[in-house]
């Protein structure tokens, strides 16, 4: 029986889309390709999620590969991509409904230490019973250890949890750690149907 719903954050609760960020900044052409590759697709971005670099360290390493004209924009993407937060349509309502029905609501996200500063601005965040952020524990999805850490931290029984993530690899990691798992494709009504298939009262 499912008692707990565990959510990913980016592209599940809120939009995390580098193309949207680049559009919002009005960056196109060669500069767009450079920033996409050297910021969002960089080793440093992954290391921020693991907590093995500070923002300043990551920015310095990224900027060493970028022309001077892009340094400020690279720093902006690292430190302020969340301004403004763009919620995923319908997800806050789903979270609040699940909470009202008595389910435990948890977050498991690959994110940098900055997550704590913007988390309260994500609609529905007030409903969460606990959050586990990769940078805080030095583990990232889909490492099996991070799913075990989640369950140990909040005294959850894996078989009583369903995990929702937009990345198939992360959902698979949860599945092989004993949790039920759903891949989220951006459609909340599809997600509701999949939760009902697991006998979640929604």
N, C-alpha and C. Protein backbone atom coordinates (compact mmCIF):
# COMPACT_ATOMS: atom_id res chain seq x y z
N UNK A 1 0.84 -1.20 0.00
CA UNK A 1 0.00 0.00 0.00
C UNK A 1 0.88 1.25 0.00
N UNK A 2 0.59 2.16 -0.91
CA UNK A 2 1.36 3.39 -1.00
C UNK A 2 0.91 4.37 0.08
N UNK A 3 1.88 4.81 0.88
CA UNK A 3 1.61 5.79 1.93
C UNK A 3 2.35 7.11 1.71
N UNK A 4 3.37 7.07 0.86
CA UNK A 4 4.23 8.24 0.68
C UNK A 4 4.48 8.50 -0.80
N UNK A 5 4.44 9.78 -1.18
CA UNK A 5 4.72 10.21 -2.54
C UNK A 5 6.00 11.03 -2.51
N UNK A 6 6.99 10.60 -3.28
CA UNK A 6 8.29 11.27 -3.33
C UNK A 6 8.45 11.93 -4.69
N UNK A 7 8.67 13.23 -4.69
CA UNK A 7 8.78 14.00 -5.92
C UNK A 7 10.22 14.40 -6.20
N UNK A 8 10.59 14.38 -7.47
CA UNK A 8 11.72 15.14 -7.96
C UNK A 8 11.28 16.61 -8.02
N UNK A 9 12.23 17.51 -8.26
CA UNK A 9 11.89 18.94 -8.30
C UNK A 9 11.89 19.48 -9.73
N UNK A 10 13.08 19.64 -10.35
CA UNK A 10 13.17 20.24 -11.66
C UNK A 10 12.47 19.42 -12.73
N UNK A 11 11.63 20.09 -13.51
CA UNK A 11 10.80 19.49 -14.55
C UNK A 11 9.72 18.58 -14.00
N UNK A 12 9.50 18.63 -12.69
CA UNK A 12 8.37 17.95 -12.06
C UNK A 12 7.54 18.97 -11.29
N UNK A 13 8.13 19.62 -10.30
CA UNK A 13 7.41 20.64 -9.55
C UNK A 13 7.56 22.03 -10.20
N UNK A 14 8.72 22.30 -10.74
CA UNK A 14 8.98 23.58 -11.41
C UNK A 14 9.77 23.32 -12.68
N UNK A 15 9.66 24.24 -13.61
CA UNK A 15 10.40 24.08 -14.86
C UNK A 15 11.89 24.35 -14.63
N UNK A 16 12.69 23.42 -15.09
CA UNK A 16 14.14 23.64 -15.14
C UNK A 16 14.55 23.28 -16.55
N UNK A 17 14.59 24.29 -17.41
CA UNK A 17 14.78 24.10 -18.84
C UNK A 17 15.81 25.11 -19.34
N UNK A 18 17.05 24.66 -19.57
CA UNK A 18 18.08 25.60 -20.05
C UNK A 18 17.67 26.38 -21.29
N UNK A 19 16.90 25.77 -22.18
CA UNK A 19 16.48 26.50 -23.37
C UNK A 19 15.56 27.66 -23.00
N UNK A 20 14.71 27.44 -22.01
CA UNK A 20 13.85 28.53 -21.53
C UNK A 20 14.70 29.64 -20.91
N UNK A 21 15.70 29.26 -20.13
CA UNK A 21 16.56 30.27 -19.50
C UNK A 21 17.32 31.07 -20.56
N UNK A 22 17.82 30.39 -21.59
CA UNK A 22 18.54 31.07 -22.65
C UNK A 22 17.62 32.00 -23.44
N UNK A 23 16.39 31.53 -23.70
CA UNK A 23 15.41 32.39 -24.37
C UNK A 23 15.13 33.63 -23.53
N UNK A 24 14.93 33.39 -22.24
CA UNK A 24 14.59 34.49 -21.32
C UNK A 24 15.69 35.55 -21.28
N UNK A 25 16.94 35.10 -21.43
CA UNK A 25 18.07 36.02 -21.42
C UNK A 25 18.34 36.62 -22.80
N UNK A 26 17.59 36.18 -23.81
CA UNK A 26 17.77 36.72 -25.15
C UNK A 26 19.08 36.33 -25.79
N UNK A 27 19.55 35.10 -25.55
CA UNK A 27 20.85 34.66 -26.05
C UNK A 27 20.63 33.63 -27.16
N UNK A 28 21.25 33.91 -28.30
CA UNK A 28 21.08 33.04 -29.47
C UNK A 28 22.43 32.85 -30.16
N UNK A 29 22.43 32.04 -31.20
CA UNK A 29 23.64 31.87 -32.00
C UNK A 29 24.76 31.19 -31.25
N UNK A 30 25.98 31.62 -31.56
CA UNK A 30 27.18 31.00 -30.98
C UNK A 30 27.20 31.13 -29.46
N UNK A 31 26.79 32.29 -28.95
CA UNK A 31 26.81 32.49 -27.50
C UNK A 31 25.87 31.51 -26.80
N UNK A 32 24.75 31.21 -27.42
CA UNK A 32 23.81 30.25 -26.85
C UNK A 32 24.46 28.87 -26.76
N UNK A 33 25.12 28.47 -27.84
CA UNK A 33 25.78 27.16 -27.85
C UNK A 33 26.87 27.08 -26.78
N UNK A 34 27.64 28.16 -26.65
CA UNK A 34 28.71 28.19 -25.65
C UNK A 34 28.15 28.07 -24.24
N UNK A 35 27.14 28.85 -23.93
CA UNK A 35 26.60 28.83 -22.57
C UNK A 35 25.89 27.52 -22.27
N UNK A 36 25.20 26.97 -23.24
CA UNK A 36 24.55 25.68 -23.02
C UNK A 36 25.59 24.62 -22.65
N UNK A 37 26.67 24.58 -23.44
CA UNK A 37 27.69 23.55 -23.25
C UNK A 37 28.53 23.78 -22.00
N UNK A 38 28.98 25.01 -21.79
CA UNK A 38 29.96 25.28 -20.74
C UNK A 38 29.34 25.59 -19.39
N UNK A 39 28.02 25.77 -19.35
CA UNK A 39 27.33 25.99 -18.07
C UNK A 39 26.43 24.80 -17.77
N UNK A 40 25.34 24.67 -18.51
CA UNK A 40 24.32 23.68 -18.17
C UNK A 40 24.76 22.24 -18.42
N UNK A 41 25.63 22.03 -19.42
CA UNK A 41 26.08 20.67 -19.73
C UNK A 41 27.49 20.41 -19.22
N UNK A 42 27.92 21.20 -18.26
CA UNK A 42 29.30 21.10 -17.78
C UNK A 42 29.45 20.13 -16.62
N UNK A 43 30.68 19.68 -16.43
CA UNK A 43 31.01 18.89 -15.25
C UNK A 43 30.75 19.69 -13.98
N UNK A 44 31.01 20.98 -14.04
CA UNK A 44 30.81 21.83 -12.86
C UNK A 44 29.36 21.82 -12.40
N UNK A 45 28.42 21.82 -13.35
CA UNK A 45 27.00 21.81 -12.94
C UNK A 45 26.69 20.52 -12.18
N UNK A 46 27.22 19.41 -12.67
CA UNK A 46 27.01 18.14 -11.96
C UNK A 46 27.68 18.16 -10.59
N UNK A 47 28.84 18.79 -10.51
CA UNK A 47 29.54 18.86 -9.23
C UNK A 47 28.80 19.77 -8.24
N UNK A 48 28.13 20.79 -8.74
CA UNK A 48 27.28 21.60 -7.86
C UNK A 48 26.19 20.73 -7.24
N UNK A 49 25.58 19.87 -8.06
CA UNK A 49 24.54 18.97 -7.54
C UNK A 49 25.10 18.01 -6.51
N UNK A 50 26.33 17.59 -6.66
CA UNK A 50 26.93 16.67 -5.70
C UNK A 50 27.45 17.40 -4.47
N UNK A 51 27.54 18.72 -4.55
CA UNK A 51 28.04 19.49 -3.41
C UNK A 51 29.54 19.51 -3.31
N UNK A 52 30.24 19.19 -4.40
CA UNK A 52 31.70 19.16 -4.35
C UNK A 52 32.34 20.45 -4.85
N UNK A 53 31.52 21.42 -5.26
CA UNK A 53 31.99 22.75 -5.63
C UNK A 53 31.06 23.80 -5.04
N UNK A 54 31.60 24.95 -4.70
CA UNK A 54 30.77 26.10 -4.35
C UNK A 54 30.35 26.81 -5.64
N UNK A 55 29.38 27.69 -5.53
CA UNK A 55 28.97 28.48 -6.69
C UNK A 55 30.16 29.24 -7.27
N UNK A 56 30.91 29.90 -6.41
CA UNK A 56 32.04 30.71 -6.89
C UNK A 56 33.08 29.86 -7.59
N UNK A 57 33.36 28.69 -7.06
CA UNK A 57 34.33 27.79 -7.69
C UNK A 57 33.84 27.33 -9.05
N UNK A 58 32.57 26.98 -9.12
CA UNK A 58 32.01 26.51 -10.38
C UNK A 58 32.02 27.62 -11.43
N UNK A 59 31.64 28.82 -11.03
CA UNK A 59 31.62 29.94 -11.97
C UNK A 59 33.02 30.23 -12.49
N UNK A 60 34.01 30.21 -11.63
CA UNK A 60 35.39 30.47 -12.06
C UNK A 60 35.84 29.46 -13.09
N UNK A 61 35.53 28.19 -12.88
CA UNK A 61 35.94 27.16 -13.83
C UNK A 61 35.19 27.28 -15.15
N UNK A 62 33.89 27.58 -15.08
CA UNK A 62 33.12 27.79 -16.30
C UNK A 62 33.65 28.98 -17.09
N UNK A 63 33.89 30.08 -16.40
CA UNK A 63 34.31 31.30 -17.08
C UNK A 63 35.70 31.18 -17.70
N UNK A 64 36.53 30.29 -17.16
CA UNK A 64 37.84 30.07 -17.75
C UNK A 64 37.74 29.53 -19.17
N UNK A 65 36.60 28.96 -19.52
CA UNK A 65 36.39 28.42 -20.87
C UNK A 65 35.53 29.33 -21.74
N UNK A 66 35.06 30.42 -21.19
CA UNK A 66 34.14 31.31 -21.90
C UNK A 66 34.80 32.66 -22.18
N UNK A 67 34.38 33.32 -23.26
CA UNK A 67 34.87 34.68 -23.49
C UNK A 67 34.34 35.64 -22.42
N UNK A 68 35.08 36.69 -22.19
CA UNK A 68 34.75 37.66 -21.14
C UNK A 68 33.31 38.15 -21.24
N UNK A 69 32.81 38.33 -22.46
CA UNK A 69 31.47 38.88 -22.65
C UNK A 69 30.37 38.01 -22.05
N UNK A 70 30.68 36.73 -21.80
CA UNK A 70 29.66 35.81 -21.27
C UNK A 70 29.83 35.50 -19.80
N UNK A 71 30.82 36.10 -19.15
CA UNK A 71 31.08 35.76 -17.75
C UNK A 71 29.91 36.13 -16.84
N UNK A 72 29.38 37.32 -17.00
CA UNK A 72 28.28 37.75 -16.13
C UNK A 72 27.05 36.88 -16.34
N UNK A 73 26.79 36.51 -17.59
CA UNK A 73 25.62 35.70 -17.87
C UNK A 73 25.78 34.29 -17.30
N UNK A 74 26.98 33.73 -17.39
CA UNK A 74 27.22 32.42 -16.80
C UNK A 74 26.98 32.45 -15.30
N UNK A 75 27.48 33.48 -14.64
CA UNK A 75 27.27 33.62 -13.19
C UNK A 75 25.79 33.75 -12.87
N UNK A 76 25.06 34.48 -13.71
CA UNK A 76 23.62 34.66 -13.50
C UNK A 76 22.89 33.33 -13.59
N UNK A 77 23.28 32.50 -14.54
CA UNK A 77 22.61 31.21 -14.68
C UNK A 77 22.88 30.31 -13.47
N UNK A 78 24.05 30.38 -12.90
CA UNK A 78 24.37 29.56 -11.73
C UNK A 78 23.63 30.05 -10.50
N UNK A 79 23.60 31.36 -10.30
CA UNK A 79 23.14 31.90 -9.03
C UNK A 79 21.71 32.43 -9.04
N UNK A 80 21.08 32.53 -10.23
CA UNK A 80 19.74 33.16 -10.25
C UNK A 80 18.85 32.61 -11.34
N UNK A 81 19.07 31.35 -11.77
CA UNK A 81 18.18 30.78 -12.78
C UNK A 81 16.74 30.72 -12.26
N UNK A 82 16.60 30.72 -10.94
CA UNK A 82 15.30 30.55 -10.31
C UNK A 82 14.51 31.85 -10.18
N UNK A 83 14.97 32.91 -10.81
CA UNK A 83 14.23 34.18 -10.75
C UNK A 83 13.75 34.56 -12.14
N UNK A 84 12.47 34.34 -12.42
CA UNK A 84 11.46 33.82 -11.51
C UNK A 84 11.34 32.29 -11.59
N UNK A 85 10.78 31.70 -10.55
CA UNK A 85 10.38 30.29 -10.57
C UNK A 85 9.20 30.15 -11.53
N UNK A 86 9.22 29.11 -12.35
CA UNK A 86 8.10 28.81 -13.24
C UNK A 86 7.54 27.45 -12.83
N UNK A 87 6.37 27.42 -12.18
CA UNK A 87 5.82 26.13 -11.72
C UNK A 87 5.38 25.26 -12.90
N UNK A 88 5.42 23.95 -12.71
CA UNK A 88 4.83 23.02 -13.67
C UNK A 88 3.32 23.06 -13.46
N UNK A 89 2.61 23.24 -14.53
CA UNK A 89 1.16 23.44 -14.45
C UNK A 89 0.48 22.25 -13.77
N UNK A 90 -0.31 22.54 -12.76
CA UNK A 90 -1.13 21.54 -12.10
C UNK A 90 -0.45 20.77 -10.99
N UNK A 91 0.87 20.91 -10.84
CA UNK A 91 1.57 20.08 -9.86
C UNK A 91 1.32 20.53 -8.43
N UNK A 92 1.26 21.83 -8.19
CA UNK A 92 1.00 22.30 -6.82
C UNK A 92 -0.36 21.81 -6.35
N UNK A 93 -1.35 21.84 -7.23
CA UNK A 93 -2.68 21.36 -6.86
C UNK A 93 -2.65 19.88 -6.53
N UNK A 94 -1.90 19.11 -7.31
CA UNK A 94 -1.79 17.67 -7.04
C UNK A 94 -1.12 17.42 -5.69
N UNK A 95 -0.03 18.12 -5.42
CA UNK A 95 0.67 17.96 -4.14
C UNK A 95 -0.27 18.27 -2.98
N UNK A 96 -0.98 19.37 -3.10
CA UNK A 96 -1.88 19.77 -2.00
C UNK A 96 -3.01 18.78 -1.81
N UNK A 97 -3.50 18.22 -2.91
CA UNK A 97 -4.57 17.22 -2.81
C UNK A 97 -4.06 15.94 -2.15
N UNK A 98 -2.88 15.50 -2.53
CA UNK A 98 -2.30 14.30 -1.91
C UNK A 98 -2.07 14.52 -0.42
N UNK A 99 -1.58 15.70 -0.07
CA UNK A 99 -1.35 16.01 1.34
C UNK A 99 -2.67 15.99 2.12
N UNK A 100 -3.70 16.56 1.54
CA UNK A 100 -5.01 16.60 2.21
C UNK A 100 -5.59 15.21 2.40
N UNK A 101 -5.21 14.28 1.53
CA UNK A 101 -5.69 12.90 1.65
C UNK A 101 -4.85 12.06 2.60
N UNK A 102 -3.83 12.67 3.21
CA UNK A 102 -3.08 11.99 4.25
C UNK A 102 -1.79 11.32 3.82
N UNK A 103 -1.38 11.50 2.59
CA UNK A 103 -0.12 10.91 2.15
C UNK A 103 1.07 11.71 2.67
N UNK A 104 2.15 11.00 2.98
CA UNK A 104 3.40 11.68 3.27
C UNK A 104 3.97 12.22 1.97
N UNK A 105 4.48 13.43 2.00
CA UNK A 105 4.97 14.09 0.79
C UNK A 105 6.45 14.43 1.00
N UNK A 106 7.29 13.94 0.10
CA UNK A 106 8.74 14.11 0.26
C UNK A 106 9.37 14.56 -1.06
N UNK A 107 10.54 15.18 -0.93
CA UNK A 107 11.31 15.63 -2.08
C UNK A 107 12.65 14.92 -2.10
N UNK A 108 13.03 14.42 -3.28
CA UNK A 108 14.38 13.88 -3.50
C UNK A 108 14.88 14.50 -4.80
N UNK A 109 15.84 15.40 -4.68
CA UNK A 109 16.25 16.18 -5.85
C UNK A 109 17.77 16.26 -5.97
N UNK A 110 18.26 16.14 -7.20
CA UNK A 110 19.63 16.53 -7.50
C UNK A 110 19.64 18.05 -7.64
N UNK A 111 20.26 18.72 -6.70
CA UNK A 111 20.29 20.18 -6.71
C UNK A 111 21.47 20.67 -5.87
N UNK A 112 21.89 21.88 -6.15
CA UNK A 112 23.00 22.49 -5.40
C UNK A 112 22.52 22.96 -4.04
N UNK A 113 23.46 23.43 -3.25
CA UNK A 113 23.11 23.92 -1.91
C UNK A 113 22.18 25.13 -1.95
N UNK A 114 22.14 25.82 -3.07
CA UNK A 114 21.24 26.97 -3.21
C UNK A 114 19.78 26.57 -3.14
N UNK A 115 19.48 25.30 -3.28
CA UNK A 115 18.08 24.87 -3.31
C UNK A 115 17.30 25.38 -2.11
N UNK A 116 17.94 25.45 -0.97
CA UNK A 116 17.22 25.86 0.25
C UNK A 116 16.75 27.31 0.17
N UNK A 117 17.43 28.13 -0.64
CA UNK A 117 17.05 29.54 -0.73
C UNK A 117 15.82 29.76 -1.60
N UNK A 118 15.61 28.93 -2.61
CA UNK A 118 14.45 29.15 -3.50
C UNK A 118 13.31 28.16 -3.28
N UNK A 119 13.56 27.09 -2.54
CA UNK A 119 12.54 26.08 -2.30
C UNK A 119 11.24 26.68 -1.76
N UNK A 120 11.24 27.60 -0.82
CA UNK A 120 9.96 28.14 -0.32
C UNK A 120 9.14 28.87 -1.38
N UNK A 121 9.76 29.25 -2.49
CA UNK A 121 9.03 29.96 -3.55
C UNK A 121 8.39 29.01 -4.56
N UNK A 122 8.61 27.72 -4.43
CA UNK A 122 7.98 26.76 -5.33
C UNK A 122 6.59 26.41 -4.79
N UNK A 123 5.53 26.68 -5.54
CA UNK A 123 4.19 26.40 -5.05
C UNK A 123 4.02 24.94 -4.65
N UNK A 124 3.43 24.74 -3.48
CA UNK A 124 3.23 23.39 -2.94
C UNK A 124 4.31 22.96 -1.98
N UNK A 125 5.42 23.72 -1.92
CA UNK A 125 6.54 23.31 -1.05
C UNK A 125 6.14 23.26 0.42
N UNK A 126 5.10 24.03 0.77
CA UNK A 126 4.67 24.06 2.18
C UNK A 126 4.07 22.73 2.63
N UNK A 127 3.77 21.85 1.69
CA UNK A 127 3.13 20.57 2.02
C UNK A 127 4.13 19.46 2.34
N UNK A 128 5.40 19.69 2.12
CA UNK A 128 6.36 18.58 2.18
C UNK A 128 6.75 18.26 3.62
N UNK A 129 6.76 16.95 3.89
CA UNK A 129 7.13 16.46 5.22
C UNK A 129 8.64 16.34 5.39
N UNK A 130 9.37 16.32 4.28
CA UNK A 130 10.83 16.22 4.35
C UNK A 130 11.43 16.39 2.98
N UNK A 131 12.65 16.89 2.94
CA UNK A 131 13.37 17.05 1.67
C UNK A 131 14.78 16.50 1.83
N UNK A 132 15.26 15.86 0.78
CA UNK A 132 16.64 15.39 0.74
C UNK A 132 17.26 15.89 -0.57
N UNK A 133 18.31 16.70 -0.44
CA UNK A 133 18.96 17.34 -1.57
C UNK A 133 20.34 16.73 -1.76
N UNK A 134 20.66 16.43 -2.99
CA UNK A 134 21.90 15.71 -3.30
C UNK A 134 23.14 16.40 -2.75
N UNK A 135 23.22 17.73 -2.92
CA UNK A 135 24.43 18.45 -2.49
C UNK A 135 24.64 18.36 -0.98
N UNK A 136 23.57 18.16 -0.24
CA UNK A 136 23.69 18.09 1.23
C UNK A 136 24.28 16.77 1.70
N UNK A 137 24.14 15.73 0.87
CA UNK A 137 24.57 14.39 1.30
C UNK A 137 25.69 13.83 0.44
N UNK A 138 26.13 14.56 -0.58
CA UNK A 138 27.22 14.11 -1.42
C UNK A 138 26.88 12.89 -2.26
N UNK A 139 25.60 12.70 -2.53
CA UNK A 139 25.13 11.60 -3.36
C UNK A 139 24.17 12.17 -4.41
N UNK A 140 24.10 11.53 -5.57
CA UNK A 140 23.19 11.99 -6.61
C UNK A 140 22.39 10.82 -7.17
N UNK A 141 21.18 11.10 -7.57
CA UNK A 141 20.41 10.11 -8.32
C UNK A 141 21.12 9.85 -9.65
N UNK A 142 21.16 8.61 -10.13
CA UNK A 142 20.45 7.43 -9.63
C UNK A 142 21.28 6.50 -8.75
N UNK A 143 22.24 7.02 -7.98
CA UNK A 143 22.99 6.15 -7.07
C UNK A 143 22.02 5.46 -6.10
N UNK A 144 22.12 4.15 -5.92
CA UNK A 144 21.22 3.48 -4.99
C UNK A 144 21.30 4.04 -3.58
N UNK A 145 22.48 4.53 -3.20
CA UNK A 145 22.65 5.02 -1.82
C UNK A 145 21.75 6.21 -1.50
N UNK A 146 21.40 7.01 -2.50
CA UNK A 146 20.61 8.20 -2.18
C UNK A 146 19.16 7.82 -1.87
N UNK A 147 18.65 6.77 -2.51
CA UNK A 147 17.30 6.31 -2.21
C UNK A 147 17.26 5.68 -0.82
N UNK A 148 18.32 4.92 -0.50
CA UNK A 148 18.39 4.35 0.85
C UNK A 148 18.49 5.45 1.89
N UNK A 149 19.27 6.50 1.59
CA UNK A 149 19.42 7.60 2.54
C UNK A 149 18.07 8.30 2.76
N UNK A 150 17.32 8.49 1.70
CA UNK A 150 15.99 9.09 1.84
C UNK A 150 15.13 8.28 2.81
N UNK A 151 15.07 6.97 2.59
CA UNK A 151 14.20 6.12 3.42
C UNK A 151 14.70 6.07 4.86
N UNK A 152 16.01 6.00 5.06
CA UNK A 152 16.55 5.98 6.41
C UNK A 152 16.30 7.30 7.13
N UNK A 153 16.48 8.40 6.43
CA UNK A 153 16.34 9.72 7.05
C UNK A 153 14.92 9.95 7.55
N UNK A 154 13.94 9.51 6.78
CA UNK A 154 12.55 9.81 7.13
C UNK A 154 11.77 8.58 7.56
N UNK A 155 12.49 7.49 7.85
CA UNK A 155 11.87 6.24 8.34
C UNK A 155 10.76 5.77 7.40
N UNK A 156 11.07 5.73 6.12
CA UNK A 156 10.12 5.29 5.11
C UNK A 156 10.40 3.84 4.72
N UNK A 157 9.35 3.11 4.45
CA UNK A 157 9.46 1.75 3.93
C UNK A 157 9.41 1.86 2.41
N UNK A 158 10.47 1.42 1.71
CA UNK A 158 10.51 1.62 0.25
C UNK A 158 9.24 1.16 -0.47
N UNK A 159 8.72 0.00 -0.11
CA UNK A 159 7.55 -0.53 -0.79
C UNK A 159 6.28 0.27 -0.58
N UNK A 160 6.32 1.21 0.37
CA UNK A 160 5.17 2.08 0.63
C UNK A 160 5.31 3.44 -0.04
N UNK A 161 6.34 3.57 -0.91
CA UNK A 161 6.63 4.86 -1.55
C UNK A 161 6.51 4.74 -3.06
N UNK A 162 6.05 5.82 -3.68
CA UNK A 162 6.14 5.95 -5.12
C UNK A 162 6.96 7.20 -5.42
N UNK A 163 7.91 7.06 -6.33
CA UNK A 163 8.83 8.14 -6.68
C UNK A 163 8.52 8.63 -8.07
N UNK A 164 8.48 9.96 -8.24
CA UNK A 164 8.11 10.58 -9.51
C UNK A 164 9.28 11.43 -9.98
N UNK A 165 9.78 11.14 -11.18
CA UNK A 165 10.93 11.87 -11.73
C UNK A 165 10.76 11.95 -13.24
N UNK A 166 11.28 13.03 -13.84
CA UNK A 166 11.21 13.15 -15.30
C UNK A 166 12.31 12.36 -15.99
N UNK A 167 13.36 11.97 -15.27
CA UNK A 167 14.47 11.23 -15.87
C UNK A 167 14.27 9.74 -15.69
N UNK A 168 14.30 9.00 -16.79
CA UNK A 168 14.07 7.56 -16.70
C UNK A 168 15.13 6.88 -15.83
N UNK A 169 16.38 7.34 -15.92
CA UNK A 169 17.45 6.71 -15.13
C UNK A 169 17.20 6.87 -13.64
N UNK A 170 16.67 8.01 -13.24
CA UNK A 170 16.40 8.24 -11.82
C UNK A 170 15.20 7.41 -11.35
N UNK A 171 14.19 7.30 -12.20
CA UNK A 171 13.04 6.46 -11.85
C UNK A 171 13.47 5.00 -11.75
N UNK A 172 14.34 4.56 -12.66
CA UNK A 172 14.83 3.19 -12.61
C UNK A 172 15.63 2.95 -11.33
N UNK A 173 16.45 3.94 -10.94
CA UNK A 173 17.22 3.81 -9.71
C UNK A 173 16.32 3.61 -8.51
N UNK A 174 15.22 4.35 -8.48
CA UNK A 174 14.26 4.19 -7.38
C UNK A 174 13.62 2.81 -7.42
N UNK A 175 13.23 2.38 -8.62
CA UNK A 175 12.58 1.07 -8.77
C UNK A 175 13.47 -0.05 -8.25
N UNK A 176 14.76 -0.03 -8.61
CA UNK A 176 15.66 -1.08 -8.17
C UNK A 176 16.10 -0.91 -6.73
N UNK A 177 15.67 0.19 -6.09
CA UNK A 177 15.88 0.36 -4.66
C UNK A 177 14.63 0.01 -3.86
N UNK A 178 13.62 -0.52 -4.54
CA UNK A 178 12.44 -1.02 -3.85
C UNK A 178 11.25 -0.10 -3.84
N UNK A 179 11.37 1.10 -4.43
CA UNK A 179 10.25 2.03 -4.50
C UNK A 179 9.47 1.77 -5.78
N UNK A 180 8.17 2.06 -5.77
CA UNK A 180 7.45 2.18 -7.02
C UNK A 180 7.94 3.44 -7.71
N UNK A 181 7.88 3.48 -9.02
CA UNK A 181 8.42 4.64 -9.74
C UNK A 181 7.56 4.99 -10.94
N UNK A 182 7.45 6.28 -11.18
CA UNK A 182 6.71 6.81 -12.32
C UNK A 182 7.60 7.82 -13.04
N UNK A 183 7.69 7.70 -14.36
CA UNK A 183 8.38 8.71 -15.16
C UNK A 183 7.35 9.77 -15.54
N UNK A 184 7.65 11.00 -15.19
CA UNK A 184 6.75 12.13 -15.45
C UNK A 184 7.10 12.76 -16.79
N UNK A 185 6.09 12.86 -17.67
CA UNK A 185 6.31 13.39 -19.01
C UNK A 185 5.73 14.79 -19.18
N UNK A 186 5.45 15.46 -18.07
CA UNK A 186 4.97 16.83 -18.14
C UNK A 186 3.46 16.97 -18.15
N UNK A 187 2.74 15.85 -18.12
CA UNK A 187 1.28 15.87 -18.19
C UNK A 187 0.72 15.43 -16.83
N UNK A 188 0.11 16.35 -16.12
CA UNK A 188 -0.36 16.05 -14.77
C UNK A 188 -1.51 15.05 -14.79
N UNK A 189 -2.38 15.13 -15.79
CA UNK A 189 -3.49 14.19 -15.85
C UNK A 189 -2.99 12.77 -16.10
N UNK A 190 -1.97 12.64 -16.92
CA UNK A 190 -1.34 11.32 -17.12
C UNK A 190 -0.75 10.82 -15.81
N UNK A 191 -0.11 11.70 -15.06
CA UNK A 191 0.47 11.33 -13.77
C UNK A 191 -0.62 10.88 -12.80
N UNK A 192 -1.71 11.60 -12.76
CA UNK A 192 -2.82 11.21 -11.88
C UNK A 192 -3.31 9.79 -12.23
N UNK A 193 -3.42 9.51 -13.52
CA UNK A 193 -3.88 8.18 -13.94
C UNK A 193 -2.90 7.10 -13.49
N UNK A 194 -1.60 7.38 -13.62
CA UNK A 194 -0.60 6.40 -13.21
C UNK A 194 -0.60 6.19 -11.69
N UNK A 195 -0.85 7.25 -10.94
CA UNK A 195 -0.96 7.12 -9.48
C UNK A 195 -2.17 6.26 -9.12
N UNK A 196 -3.27 6.47 -9.82
CA UNK A 196 -4.47 5.64 -9.56
C UNK A 196 -4.21 4.17 -9.84
N UNK A 197 -3.39 3.90 -10.87
CA UNK A 197 -3.04 2.50 -11.17
C UNK A 197 -2.30 1.85 -10.01
N UNK A 198 -1.65 2.67 -9.18
CA UNK A 198 -0.95 2.16 -8.00
C UNK A 198 -1.82 2.25 -6.75
N UNK A 199 -3.11 2.47 -6.97
CA UNK A 199 -4.10 2.55 -5.89
C UNK A 199 -3.90 3.76 -4.98
N UNK A 200 -3.29 4.81 -5.53
CA UNK A 200 -3.22 6.08 -4.80
C UNK A 200 -4.56 6.77 -4.96
N UNK A 201 -5.14 7.21 -3.86
CA UNK A 201 -6.49 7.81 -3.87
C UNK A 201 -6.41 9.24 -4.34
N UNK A 202 -6.44 9.44 -5.63
CA UNK A 202 -6.33 10.78 -6.19
C UNK A 202 -7.31 10.96 -7.36
